Amino acid sequence: MGCILVIDDHALVREGLAQTLSRLGGALSVIEATDAAHALTLIDERDDIDLVITDLIMPGMNGFSLLATLRERDPSLPVLVVSALSDKPTVNRAMRHGASGFVSKGDSGARLVEAVREVLDGNLYTAPARSKVVDAPAPNGLTRAQQRVLLLLAEGCSNREIAESLGLAEGTVKVHVSRILSAYKVVSRAQLLIALAREQARRRSH
């Protein structure tokens, strides 16, 4: 086992992934990058990276662009996507851009470990089950498109980042955000995050 590069702009996510990856055992080292530019610098500087694990939604270059860039630079370097946005179109798009595997952030640590092992063995991996958040019936009357926007809002993405990720016009995203806020009866993103946290807590208590 060599070196795994983890790319995510959230420190808690990076730390959680690193802790989960420690289950792989062996002489494993995990290095971290906060965005695609940082990751590309590390990849250029090092020759011991065996696997890249990346989110799709990041400041600057998004995960899809990073996948395409890495495929051009080094097609032999496997990339595993770990994202909260895990509906079928997104998974398929990531795989078309060169991902070797895809795991939802809603999946278990055991599934991540399984995916890493498969990808390092030279196989492609997609989890057999999608995120429950995506597959569940639309809450509060939200459409499927609005649910996808909601997932990215929960990750703290800006309207521009959401538009780039989903291939939408920024104006369309603004309309979706407005309807989401209305559905949750809040007037700001901060209030929406509080409402989502309360909703999640209620689900866990049942």
N, C-alpha and C. Protein backbone atom coordinates (compact mmCIF):
# COMPACT_ATOMS: atom_id res chain seq x y z
N MET A 1 0.85 -1.19 0.00
CA MET A 1 0.00 0.00 0.00
C MET A 1 0.89 1.23 0.00
N GLY A 2 0.55 2.20 -0.84
CA GLY A 2 1.37 3.39 -0.95
C GLY A 2 0.70 4.62 -0.42
N CYS A 3 0.48 5.60 -1.31
CA CYS A 3 -0.03 6.91 -0.90
C CYS A 3 -1.37 7.20 -1.56
N ILE A 4 -2.30 7.73 -0.77
CA ILE A 4 -3.61 8.13 -1.28
C ILE A 4 -3.77 9.63 -1.06
N LEU A 5 -4.15 10.33 -2.11
CA LEU A 5 -4.39 11.77 -2.05
C LEU A 5 -5.89 12.01 -1.91
N VAL A 6 -6.28 12.70 -0.83
CA VAL A 6 -7.69 13.02 -0.56
C VAL A 6 -7.92 14.50 -0.83
N ILE A 7 -8.91 14.79 -1.68
CA ILE A 7 -9.20 16.18 -2.06
C ILE A 7 -10.62 16.55 -1.63
N ASP A 8 -10.73 17.51 -0.73
CA ASP A 8 -12.03 18.02 -0.30
C ASP A 8 -11.78 19.35 0.39
N ASP A 9 -12.66 20.31 0.17
CA ASP A 9 -12.44 21.63 0.77
C ASP A 9 -12.92 21.71 2.21
N HIS A 10 -13.48 20.62 2.75
CA HIS A 10 -13.92 20.59 4.15
C HIS A 10 -12.94 19.75 4.97
N ALA A 11 -12.32 20.37 5.97
CA ALA A 11 -11.32 19.68 6.78
C ALA A 11 -11.90 18.46 7.49
N LEU A 12 -13.12 18.58 8.01
CA LEU A 12 -13.73 17.46 8.73
C LEU A 12 -13.92 16.26 7.81
N VAL A 13 -14.27 16.52 6.56
CA VAL A 13 -14.45 15.42 5.60
C VAL A 13 -13.11 14.76 5.32
N ARG A 14 -12.07 15.56 5.09
CA ARG A 14 -10.75 15.00 4.83
C ARG A 14 -10.28 14.14 6.00
N GLU A 15 -10.47 14.66 7.21
CA GLU A 15 -10.04 13.91 8.39
C GLU A 15 -10.83 12.62 8.55
N GLY A 16 -12.13 12.68 8.26
CA GLY A 16 -12.96 11.48 8.36
C GLY A 16 -12.56 10.43 7.34
N LEU A 17 -12.27 10.86 6.12
CA LEU A 17 -11.83 9.93 5.09
C LEU A 17 -10.50 9.30 5.46
N ALA A 18 -9.58 10.12 5.97
CA ALA A 18 -8.27 9.59 6.36
C ALA A 18 -8.41 8.55 7.47
N GLN A 19 -9.30 8.82 8.43
CA GLN A 19 -9.51 7.87 9.52
C GLN A 19 -10.08 6.56 8.98
N THR A 20 -11.03 6.65 8.06
CA THR A 20 -11.62 5.45 7.48
C THR A 20 -10.59 4.67 6.67
N LEU A 21 -9.75 5.38 5.94
CA LEU A 21 -8.73 4.72 5.11
C LEU A 21 -7.70 3.98 5.95
N SER A 22 -7.57 4.37 7.22
CA SER A 22 -6.60 3.68 8.09
C SER A 22 -6.98 2.22 8.29
N ARG A 23 -8.24 1.87 8.01
CA ARG A 23 -8.67 0.48 8.14
C ARG A 23 -7.99 -0.42 7.11
N LEU A 24 -7.45 0.19 6.06
CA LEU A 24 -6.79 -0.61 5.03
C LEU A 24 -5.52 -1.25 5.55
N GLY A 25 -4.93 -0.66 6.60
CA GLY A 25 -3.72 -1.22 7.18
C GLY A 25 -2.53 -1.06 6.26
N GLY A 26 -1.45 -1.74 6.60
CA GLY A 26 -0.25 -1.68 5.78
C GLY A 26 0.44 -0.33 5.90
N ALA A 27 1.44 -0.15 5.07
CA ALA A 27 2.22 1.09 5.09
C ALA A 27 1.52 2.14 4.25
N LEU A 28 0.34 2.54 4.69
CA LEU A 28 -0.47 3.51 3.95
C LEU A 28 -0.21 4.92 4.44
N SER A 29 -0.02 5.84 3.52
CA SER A 29 0.06 7.25 3.87
C SER A 29 -1.05 7.99 3.15
N VAL A 30 -1.63 8.96 3.83
CA VAL A 30 -2.70 9.78 3.25
C VAL A 30 -2.25 11.23 3.26
N ILE A 31 -2.30 11.86 2.10
CA ILE A 31 -2.01 13.29 2.02
C ILE A 31 -3.29 14.00 1.60
N GLU A 32 -3.38 15.29 1.93
CA GLU A 32 -4.62 16.01 1.72
C GLU A 32 -4.41 17.25 0.86
N ALA A 33 -5.45 17.57 0.09
CA ALA A 33 -5.48 18.81 -0.69
C ALA A 33 -6.84 19.46 -0.51
N THR A 34 -6.86 20.78 -0.48
CA THR A 34 -8.11 21.50 -0.24
C THR A 34 -8.87 21.80 -1.52
N ASP A 35 -8.19 21.73 -2.66
CA ASP A 35 -8.86 21.98 -3.94
C ASP A 35 -8.07 21.34 -5.07
N ALA A 36 -8.59 21.46 -6.29
CA ALA A 36 -7.97 20.79 -7.43
C ALA A 36 -6.59 21.35 -7.74
N ALA A 37 -6.43 22.67 -7.65
CA ALA A 37 -5.13 23.28 -7.95
C ALA A 37 -4.05 22.75 -7.00
N HIS A 38 -4.39 22.70 -5.72
CA HIS A 38 -3.47 22.16 -4.72
C HIS A 38 -3.14 20.71 -5.03
N ALA A 39 -4.15 19.94 -5.42
CA ALA A 39 -3.96 18.52 -5.73
C ALA A 39 -3.03 18.34 -6.92
N LEU A 40 -3.24 19.12 -7.97
CA LEU A 40 -2.40 19.00 -9.17
C LEU A 40 -0.95 19.33 -8.86
N THR A 41 -0.74 20.30 -7.97
CA THR A 41 0.63 20.63 -7.55
C THR A 41 1.27 19.45 -6.85
N LEU A 42 0.53 18.82 -5.93
CA LEU A 42 1.07 17.66 -5.21
C LEU A 42 1.37 16.51 -6.16
N ILE A 43 0.49 16.29 -7.12
CA ILE A 43 0.69 15.20 -8.08
C ILE A 43 1.92 15.45 -8.93
N ASP A 44 2.15 16.71 -9.29
CA ASP A 44 3.34 17.06 -10.08
C ASP A 44 4.62 16.89 -9.26
N GLU A 45 4.53 17.14 -7.96
CA GLU A 45 5.72 17.11 -7.10
C GLU A 45 6.09 15.71 -6.64
N ARG A 46 5.11 14.79 -6.64
CA ARG A 46 5.34 13.46 -6.07
C ARG A 46 5.17 12.38 -7.13
N ASP A 47 5.83 11.25 -6.89
CA ASP A 47 5.69 10.12 -7.81
C ASP A 47 5.21 8.86 -7.09
N ASP A 48 4.69 9.05 -5.86
CA ASP A 48 4.28 7.88 -5.06
C ASP A 48 2.78 7.82 -4.83
N ILE A 49 1.99 8.64 -5.53
CA ILE A 49 0.54 8.65 -5.33
C ILE A 49 -0.09 7.51 -6.12
N ASP A 50 -0.77 6.60 -5.42
CA ASP A 50 -1.37 5.43 -6.05
C ASP A 50 -2.85 5.61 -6.34
N LEU A 51 -3.50 6.55 -5.63
CA LEU A 51 -4.94 6.74 -5.78
C LEU A 51 -5.31 8.16 -5.39
N VAL A 52 -6.25 8.74 -6.13
CA VAL A 52 -6.81 10.04 -5.79
C VAL A 52 -8.26 9.85 -5.40
N ILE A 53 -8.65 10.42 -4.26
CA ILE A 53 -10.05 10.44 -3.83
C ILE A 53 -10.50 11.89 -3.83
N THR A 54 -11.54 12.20 -4.58
CA THR A 54 -11.93 13.60 -4.70
C THR A 54 -13.43 13.81 -4.58
N ASP A 55 -13.79 14.98 -4.07
CA ASP A 55 -15.17 15.46 -4.10
C ASP A 55 -15.43 16.04 -5.48
N LEU A 56 -16.66 16.32 -5.80
CA LEU A 56 -16.99 16.95 -7.08
C LEU A 56 -17.14 18.46 -6.97
N ILE A 57 -17.62 18.92 -5.81
CA ILE A 57 -17.91 20.34 -5.64
C ILE A 57 -16.83 20.97 -4.79
N MET A 58 -16.00 21.81 -5.43
CA MET A 58 -14.90 22.46 -4.74
C MET A 58 -14.72 23.86 -5.30
N PRO A 59 -14.09 24.75 -4.54
CA PRO A 59 -13.79 26.08 -5.07
C PRO A 59 -12.85 25.97 -6.26
N GLY A 60 -13.00 26.85 -7.23
CA GLY A 60 -12.13 26.80 -8.40
C GLY A 60 -12.54 25.69 -9.34
N MET A 61 -11.57 24.91 -9.79
CA MET A 61 -11.84 23.79 -10.69
C MET A 61 -12.68 22.74 -9.99
N ASN A 62 -13.81 22.35 -10.61
CA ASN A 62 -14.66 21.33 -9.98
C ASN A 62 -14.13 19.93 -10.27
N GLY A 63 -14.75 18.94 -9.65
CA GLY A 63 -14.27 17.58 -9.76
C GLY A 63 -14.31 17.01 -11.16
N PHE A 64 -15.32 17.41 -11.94
CA PHE A 64 -15.41 16.91 -13.32
C PHE A 64 -14.23 17.40 -14.16
N SER A 65 -13.90 18.67 -14.01
CA SER A 65 -12.76 19.22 -14.74
C SER A 65 -11.46 18.58 -14.28
N LEU A 66 -11.37 18.32 -12.98
CA LEU A 66 -10.17 17.66 -12.45
C LEU A 66 -10.03 16.26 -13.03
N LEU A 67 -11.13 15.53 -13.11
CA LEU A 67 -11.10 14.19 -13.69
C LEU A 67 -10.57 14.23 -15.12
N ALA A 68 -11.08 15.17 -15.90
CA ALA A 68 -10.65 15.28 -17.30
C ALA A 68 -9.17 15.64 -17.39
N THR A 69 -8.72 16.53 -16.51
CA THR A 69 -7.32 16.94 -16.51
C THR A 69 -6.41 15.77 -16.14
N LEU A 70 -6.79 15.03 -15.11
CA LEU A 70 -5.98 13.89 -14.69
C LEU A 70 -5.94 12.80 -15.75
N ARG A 71 -7.05 12.62 -16.44
CA ARG A 71 -7.08 11.59 -17.48
C ARG A 71 -6.11 11.95 -18.61
N GLU A 72 -5.99 13.26 -18.89
CA GLU A 72 -5.06 13.71 -19.93
C GLU A 72 -3.61 13.58 -19.45
N ARG A 73 -3.37 13.93 -18.19
CA ARG A 73 -1.99 13.94 -17.67
C ARG A 73 -1.47 12.54 -17.39
N ASP A 74 -2.30 11.73 -16.73
CA ASP A 74 -1.84 10.40 -16.33
C ASP A 74 -3.02 9.44 -16.29
N PRO A 75 -3.35 8.83 -17.41
CA PRO A 75 -4.50 7.92 -17.47
C PRO A 75 -4.38 6.72 -16.54
N SER A 76 -3.16 6.41 -16.11
CA SER A 76 -2.97 5.24 -15.25
C SER A 76 -3.27 5.51 -13.78
N LEU A 77 -3.42 6.80 -13.41
CA LEU A 77 -3.69 7.15 -12.01
C LEU A 77 -5.18 7.03 -11.73
N PRO A 78 -5.60 6.07 -10.89
CA PRO A 78 -7.04 5.90 -10.63
C PRO A 78 -7.59 7.01 -9.74
N VAL A 79 -8.85 7.37 -10.00
CA VAL A 79 -9.52 8.41 -9.21
C VAL A 79 -10.86 7.87 -8.72
N LEU A 80 -11.07 7.95 -7.41
CA LEU A 80 -12.33 7.55 -6.80
C LEU A 80 -13.07 8.80 -6.36
N VAL A 81 -14.30 8.96 -6.81
CA VAL A 81 -15.12 10.12 -6.43
C VAL A 81 -15.93 9.78 -5.19
N VAL A 82 -15.91 10.68 -4.21
CA VAL A 82 -16.74 10.55 -3.01
C VAL A 82 -17.53 11.85 -2.90
N SER A 83 -18.84 11.76 -3.14
CA SER A 83 -19.64 12.99 -3.24
C SER A 83 -21.02 12.81 -2.61
N ALA A 84 -21.58 13.91 -2.13
CA ALA A 84 -22.95 13.89 -1.61
C ALA A 84 -23.95 13.83 -2.75
N LEU A 85 -23.55 14.30 -3.91
CA LEU A 85 -24.41 14.28 -5.09
C LEU A 85 -24.18 12.96 -5.81
N SER A 86 -25.09 12.00 -5.63
CA SER A 86 -24.81 10.64 -6.10
C SER A 86 -25.96 10.03 -6.90
N ASP A 87 -26.72 10.88 -7.58
CA ASP A 87 -27.77 10.35 -8.45
C ASP A 87 -27.14 9.74 -9.69
N LYS A 88 -27.91 8.94 -10.41
CA LYS A 88 -27.36 8.18 -11.53
C LYS A 88 -26.72 9.06 -12.60
N PRO A 89 -27.35 10.18 -13.02
CA PRO A 89 -26.70 11.02 -14.04
C PRO A 89 -25.34 11.54 -13.60
N THR A 90 -25.21 11.91 -12.32
CA THR A 90 -23.94 12.42 -11.82
C THR A 90 -22.88 11.32 -11.80
N VAL A 91 -23.28 10.13 -11.34
CA VAL A 91 -22.34 9.00 -11.33
C VAL A 91 -21.87 8.69 -12.75
N ASN A 92 -22.81 8.62 -13.67
CA ASN A 92 -22.45 8.31 -15.06
C ASN A 92 -21.54 9.38 -15.66
N ARG A 93 -21.83 10.64 -15.33
CA ARG A 93 -21.00 11.73 -15.84
C ARG A 93 -19.57 11.62 -15.30
N ALA A 94 -19.46 11.32 -14.01
CA ALA A 94 -18.13 11.18 -13.41
C ALA A 94 -17.35 10.03 -14.06
N MET A 95 -18.03 8.92 -14.29
CA MET A 95 -17.35 7.78 -14.90
C MET A 95 -16.93 8.10 -16.34
N ARG A 96 -17.76 8.85 -17.05
CA ARG A 96 -17.40 9.25 -18.42
C ARG A 96 -16.19 10.17 -18.43
N HIS A 97 -16.04 10.96 -17.37
CA HIS A 97 -14.91 11.88 -17.28
C HIS A 97 -13.63 11.18 -16.81
N GLY A 98 -13.72 9.90 -16.52
CA GLY A 98 -12.51 9.16 -16.18
C GLY A 98 -12.41 8.62 -14.78
N ALA A 99 -13.46 8.75 -13.97
CA ALA A 99 -13.42 8.19 -12.62
C ALA A 99 -13.33 6.66 -12.68
N SER A 100 -12.59 6.10 -11.75
CA SER A 100 -12.50 4.64 -11.64
C SER A 100 -13.55 4.08 -10.70
N GLY A 101 -14.13 4.95 -9.89
CA GLY A 101 -15.15 4.51 -8.95
C GLY A 101 -15.91 5.68 -8.38
N PHE A 102 -17.05 5.37 -7.75
CA PHE A 102 -17.91 6.42 -7.19
C PHE A 102 -18.56 5.89 -5.92
N VAL A 103 -18.44 6.66 -4.84
CA VAL A 103 -19.06 6.32 -3.56
C VAL A 103 -19.80 7.55 -3.05
N SER A 104 -21.00 7.35 -2.54
CA SER A 104 -21.76 8.45 -1.96
C SER A 104 -21.25 8.78 -0.56
N LYS A 105 -21.30 10.06 -0.20
CA LYS A 105 -20.95 10.44 1.17
C LYS A 105 -21.95 9.88 2.18
N GLY A 106 -23.09 9.42 1.69
CA GLY A 106 -24.06 8.79 2.57
C GLY A 106 -23.80 7.32 2.81
N ASP A 107 -22.80 6.76 2.11
CA ASP A 107 -22.47 5.34 2.28
C ASP A 107 -21.60 5.13 3.52
N SER A 108 -21.40 3.88 3.87
CA SER A 108 -20.63 3.52 5.07
C SER A 108 -19.13 3.55 4.80
N GLY A 109 -18.37 3.59 5.90
CA GLY A 109 -16.93 3.51 5.77
C GLY A 109 -16.49 2.20 5.16
N ALA A 110 -17.23 1.13 5.48
CA ALA A 110 -16.90 -0.19 4.92
C ALA A 110 -17.01 -0.17 3.40
N ARG A 111 -18.00 0.55 2.89
CA ARG A 111 -18.16 0.63 1.44
C ARG A 111 -17.01 1.41 0.81
N LEU A 112 -16.57 2.46 1.48
CA LEU A 112 -15.43 3.22 0.97
C LEU A 112 -14.19 2.34 0.89
N VAL A 113 -13.94 1.59 1.96
CA VAL A 113 -12.78 0.69 1.98
C VAL A 113 -12.89 -0.34 0.85
N GLU A 114 -14.09 -0.88 0.66
CA GLU A 114 -14.31 -1.84 -0.42
C GLU A 114 -14.01 -1.20 -1.77
N ALA A 115 -14.47 0.02 -1.96
CA ALA A 115 -14.25 0.71 -3.23
C ALA A 115 -12.77 0.96 -3.48
N VAL A 116 -12.06 1.39 -2.45
CA VAL A 116 -10.63 1.65 -2.58
C VAL A 116 -9.89 0.39 -2.99
N ARG A 117 -10.21 -0.71 -2.35
CA ARG A 117 -9.54 -1.98 -2.68
C ARG A 117 -9.82 -2.39 -4.12
N GLU A 118 -11.07 -2.24 -4.55
CA GLU A 118 -11.43 -2.61 -5.92
C GLU A 118 -10.68 -1.75 -6.94
N VAL A 119 -10.66 -0.46 -6.69
CA VAL A 119 -10.02 0.46 -7.63
C VAL A 119 -8.51 0.23 -7.67
N LEU A 120 -7.90 0.00 -6.51
CA LEU A 120 -6.46 -0.26 -6.48
C LEU A 120 -6.11 -1.57 -7.17
N ASP A 121 -7.08 -2.48 -7.22
CA ASP A 121 -6.87 -3.75 -7.92
C ASP A 121 -7.08 -3.62 -9.43
N GLY A 122 -7.40 -2.40 -9.87
CA GLY A 122 -7.56 -2.17 -11.30
C GLY A 122 -8.98 -2.31 -11.81
N ASN A 123 -9.95 -2.40 -10.89
CA ASN A 123 -11.35 -2.57 -11.27
C ASN A 123 -12.10 -1.24 -11.19
N LEU A 124 -13.26 -1.19 -11.84
CA LEU A 124 -14.16 -0.05 -11.69
C LEU A 124 -15.15 -0.35 -10.57
N TYR A 125 -15.58 0.70 -9.86
CA TYR A 125 -16.49 0.48 -8.73
C TYR A 125 -17.57 1.55 -8.69
N THR A 126 -18.81 1.11 -8.62
CA THR A 126 -19.92 2.00 -8.27
C THR A 126 -20.76 1.28 -7.23
N ALA A 127 -21.12 2.00 -6.19
CA ALA A 127 -21.87 1.39 -5.09
C ALA A 127 -23.21 0.88 -5.60
N PRO A 128 -23.65 -0.29 -5.12
CA PRO A 128 -24.92 -0.85 -5.58
C PRO A 128 -26.14 -0.06 -5.18
N ALA A 129 -26.02 0.76 -4.13
CA ALA A 129 -27.17 1.54 -3.67
C ALA A 129 -26.82 3.02 -3.67
N ARG A 130 -27.73 3.85 -4.06
CA ARG A 130 -27.51 5.28 -4.08
C ARG A 130 -27.85 5.89 -2.72
N SER A 131 -27.45 7.14 -2.56
CA SER A 131 -27.73 7.86 -1.32
C SER A 131 -29.23 7.89 -1.05
N LYS A 132 -29.60 7.61 0.19
CA LYS A 132 -31.01 7.63 0.56
C LYS A 132 -31.62 9.02 0.36
N VAL A 133 -30.81 10.05 0.52
CA VAL A 133 -31.32 11.41 0.34
C VAL A 133 -31.79 11.61 -1.09
N VAL A 134 -31.06 11.03 -2.04
CA VAL A 134 -31.41 11.21 -3.44
C VAL A 134 -32.57 10.32 -3.84
N ASP A 135 -32.59 9.07 -3.35
CA ASP A 135 -33.59 8.11 -3.79
C ASP A 135 -34.94 8.29 -3.09
N ALA A 136 -34.95 8.97 -1.98
CA ALA A 136 -36.19 9.12 -1.22
C ALA A 136 -37.18 10.00 -1.96
N PRO A 137 -38.48 9.85 -1.66
CA PRO A 137 -39.47 10.74 -2.26
C PRO A 137 -39.15 12.19 -1.94
N ALA A 138 -39.47 13.07 -2.84
CA ALA A 138 -39.11 14.47 -2.68
C ALA A 138 -39.74 15.06 -1.42
N PRO A 139 -38.92 15.63 -0.49
CA PRO A 139 -39.47 16.23 0.71
C PRO A 139 -40.05 17.61 0.41
N ASN A 140 -41.09 17.97 1.14
CA ASN A 140 -41.68 19.30 1.02
C ASN A 140 -42.07 19.64 -0.41
N GLY A 141 -42.40 18.64 -1.21
CA GLY A 141 -42.84 18.90 -2.57
C GLY A 141 -41.75 19.32 -3.53
N LEU A 142 -40.47 19.13 -3.17
CA LEU A 142 -39.38 19.52 -4.06
C LEU A 142 -39.30 18.58 -5.26
N THR A 143 -38.96 19.15 -6.41
CA THR A 143 -38.73 18.33 -7.59
C THR A 143 -37.37 17.65 -7.47
N ARG A 144 -37.10 16.69 -8.36
CA ARG A 144 -35.81 16.01 -8.34
C ARG A 144 -34.66 17.00 -8.56
N ALA A 145 -34.85 17.94 -9.48
CA ALA A 145 -33.81 18.95 -9.74
C ALA A 145 -33.55 19.79 -8.50
N GLN A 146 -34.63 20.14 -7.78
CA GLN A 146 -34.47 20.94 -6.57
C GLN A 146 -33.78 20.15 -5.46
N GLN A 147 -34.02 18.84 -5.42
CA GLN A 147 -33.32 18.01 -4.43
C GLN A 147 -31.81 18.02 -4.70
N ARG A 148 -31.43 17.97 -5.97
CA ARG A 148 -30.01 18.00 -6.30
C ARG A 148 -29.40 19.33 -5.89
N VAL A 149 -30.12 20.42 -6.13
CA VAL A 149 -29.65 21.73 -5.69
C VAL A 149 -29.55 21.78 -4.17
N LEU A 150 -30.54 21.19 -3.50
CA LEU A 150 -30.55 21.18 -2.03
C LEU A 150 -29.32 20.48 -1.47
N LEU A 151 -28.92 19.36 -2.07
CA LEU A 151 -27.73 18.65 -1.61
C LEU A 151 -26.49 19.54 -1.68
N LEU A 152 -26.39 20.30 -2.74
CA LEU A 152 -25.23 21.16 -2.90
C LEU A 152 -25.31 22.38 -1.99
N LEU A 153 -26.51 22.87 -1.74
CA LEU A 153 -26.67 23.95 -0.76
C LEU A 153 -26.20 23.49 0.61
N ALA A 154 -26.53 22.24 0.95
CA ALA A 154 -26.14 21.69 2.25
C ALA A 154 -24.63 21.57 2.37
N GLU A 155 -23.93 21.50 1.23
CA GLU A 155 -22.46 21.45 1.24
C GLU A 155 -21.85 22.85 1.25
N GLY A 156 -22.71 23.87 1.23
CA GLY A 156 -22.22 25.24 1.28
C GLY A 156 -21.82 25.82 -0.06
N CYS A 157 -22.31 25.21 -1.15
CA CYS A 157 -21.93 25.68 -2.49
C CYS A 157 -22.65 26.98 -2.86
N SER A 158 -21.97 27.81 -3.61
CA SER A 158 -22.57 29.04 -4.12
C SER A 158 -23.44 28.73 -5.32
N ASN A 159 -24.25 29.71 -5.73
CA ASN A 159 -25.08 29.51 -6.92
C ASN A 159 -24.23 29.19 -8.14
N ARG A 160 -23.10 29.85 -8.28
CA ARG A 160 -22.23 29.60 -9.43
C ARG A 160 -21.69 28.18 -9.40
N GLU A 161 -21.25 27.72 -8.23
CA GLU A 161 -20.72 26.35 -8.12
C GLU A 161 -21.80 25.32 -8.43
N ILE A 162 -23.01 25.58 -7.95
CA ILE A 162 -24.12 24.66 -8.22
C ILE A 162 -24.42 24.64 -9.72
N ALA A 163 -24.43 25.81 -10.33
CA ALA A 163 -24.71 25.89 -11.77
C ALA A 163 -23.67 25.13 -12.58
N GLU A 164 -22.39 25.28 -12.22
CA GLU A 164 -21.32 24.60 -12.94
C GLU A 164 -21.41 23.09 -12.76
N SER A 165 -21.74 22.67 -11.55
CA SER A 165 -21.80 21.24 -11.27
C SER A 165 -22.96 20.56 -11.98
N LEU A 166 -24.11 21.21 -12.00
CA LEU A 166 -25.32 20.59 -12.56
C LEU A 166 -25.57 20.96 -14.01
N GLY A 167 -24.71 21.82 -14.56
CA GLY A 167 -24.89 22.22 -15.95
C GLY A 167 -26.11 23.08 -16.17
N LEU A 168 -26.40 23.94 -15.19
CA LEU A 168 -27.57 24.81 -15.27
C LEU A 168 -27.15 26.27 -15.39
N ALA A 169 -28.06 27.10 -15.87
CA ALA A 169 -27.82 28.54 -15.85
C ALA A 169 -27.93 29.03 -14.40
N GLU A 170 -27.12 30.04 -14.07
CA GLU A 170 -27.13 30.53 -12.69
C GLU A 170 -28.51 31.07 -12.33
N GLY A 171 -29.21 31.65 -13.29
CA GLY A 171 -30.56 32.15 -13.04
C GLY A 171 -31.52 31.03 -12.68
N THR A 172 -31.35 29.88 -13.31
CA THR A 172 -32.19 28.71 -12.99
C THR A 172 -31.92 28.24 -11.57
N VAL A 173 -30.65 28.25 -11.19
CA VAL A 173 -30.29 27.85 -9.83
C VAL A 173 -30.94 28.79 -8.82
N LYS A 174 -30.92 30.08 -9.10
CA LYS A 174 -31.53 31.06 -8.19
C LYS A 174 -33.01 30.77 -7.99
N VAL A 175 -33.69 30.40 -9.08
CA VAL A 175 -35.11 30.06 -8.98
C VAL A 175 -35.30 28.83 -8.10
N HIS A 176 -34.47 27.81 -8.31
CA HIS A 176 -34.55 26.60 -7.48
C HIS A 176 -34.30 26.92 -6.01
N VAL A 177 -33.28 27.74 -5.75
CA VAL A 177 -32.95 28.09 -4.36
C VAL A 177 -34.12 28.81 -3.71
N SER A 178 -34.73 29.73 -4.43
CA SER A 178 -35.88 30.47 -3.91
C SER A 178 -37.02 29.53 -3.54
N ARG A 179 -37.29 28.55 -4.39
CA ARG A 179 -38.38 27.61 -4.12
C ARG A 179 -38.04 26.68 -2.96
N ILE A 180 -36.76 26.34 -2.83
CA ILE A 180 -36.34 25.49 -1.71
C ILE A 180 -36.52 26.24 -0.39
N LEU A 181 -36.09 27.50 -0.36
CA LEU A 181 -36.26 28.30 0.86
C LEU A 181 -37.73 28.42 1.22
N SER A 182 -38.56 28.62 0.21
CA SER A 182 -40.00 28.73 0.44
C SER A 182 -40.57 27.42 0.97
N ALA A 183 -40.11 26.30 0.40
CA ALA A 183 -40.61 24.99 0.83
C ALA A 183 -40.28 24.71 2.29
N TYR A 184 -39.11 25.19 2.73
CA TYR A 184 -38.70 24.98 4.12
C TYR A 184 -39.13 26.13 5.02
N LYS A 185 -39.83 27.11 4.45
CA LYS A 185 -40.36 28.25 5.20
C LYS A 185 -39.25 29.02 5.92
N VAL A 186 -38.16 29.26 5.19
CA VAL A 186 -37.05 30.06 5.72
C VAL A 186 -36.72 31.13 4.69
N VAL A 187 -35.90 32.10 5.11
CA VAL A 187 -35.60 33.22 4.21
C VAL A 187 -34.11 33.35 3.88
N SER A 188 -33.29 32.48 4.44
CA SER A 188 -31.85 32.56 4.18
C SER A 188 -31.23 31.17 4.15
N ARG A 189 -30.04 31.09 3.59
CA ARG A 189 -29.32 29.80 3.56
C ARG A 189 -28.97 29.34 4.96
N ALA A 190 -28.60 30.27 5.82
CA ALA A 190 -28.26 29.91 7.19
C ALA A 190 -29.45 29.26 7.89
N GLN A 191 -30.63 29.84 7.72
CA GLN A 191 -31.84 29.26 8.32
C GLN A 191 -32.15 27.90 7.69
N LEU A 192 -31.86 27.75 6.40
CA LEU A 192 -32.09 26.47 5.73
C LEU A 192 -31.21 25.38 6.33
N LEU A 193 -29.94 25.69 6.57
CA LEU A 193 -29.03 24.70 7.15
C LEU A 193 -29.49 24.27 8.53
N ILE A 194 -30.01 25.22 9.31
CA ILE A 194 -30.54 24.89 10.63
C ILE A 194 -31.75 23.97 10.49
N ALA A 195 -32.63 24.28 9.54
CA ALA A 195 -33.82 23.46 9.31
C ALA A 195 -33.44 22.05 8.88
N LEU A 196 -32.42 21.94 8.03
CA LEU A 196 -31.97 20.62 7.57
C LEU A 196 -31.38 19.81 8.72
N ALA A 197 -30.62 20.49 9.59
CA ALA A 197 -30.03 19.81 10.74
C ALA A 197 -31.11 19.29 11.68
N ARG A 198 -32.15 20.09 11.89
CA ARG A 198 -33.26 19.66 12.74
C ARG A 198 -34.00 18.48 12.12
N GLU A 199 -34.18 18.53 10.80
CA GLU A 199 -34.86 17.45 10.09
C GLU A 199 -34.07 16.15 10.21
N GLN A 200 -32.75 16.26 10.07
CA GLN A 200 -31.90 15.08 10.18
C GLN A 200 -31.95 14.50 11.60
N ALA A 201 -31.96 15.39 12.60
CA ALA A 201 -32.03 14.94 13.99
C ALA A 201 -33.33 14.21 14.26
N ARG A 202 -34.43 14.71 13.69
CA ARG A 202 -35.73 14.05 13.87
C ARG A 202 -35.71 12.65 13.25
N ARG A 203 -35.10 12.53 12.07
CA ARG A 203 -35.04 11.22 11.41
C ARG A 203 -34.24 10.22 12.23
N ARG A 204 -33.15 10.70 12.83
CA ARG A 204 -32.30 9.81 13.62
C ARG A 204 -32.99 9.35 14.89
N SER A 205 -33.91 10.19 15.40
CA SER A 205 -34.58 9.85 16.66
C SER A 205 -35.69 8.83 16.47
N HIS A 206 -36.09 8.59 15.21
CA HIS A 206 -37.19 7.65 14.93
C HIS A 206 -36.64 6.28 14.56
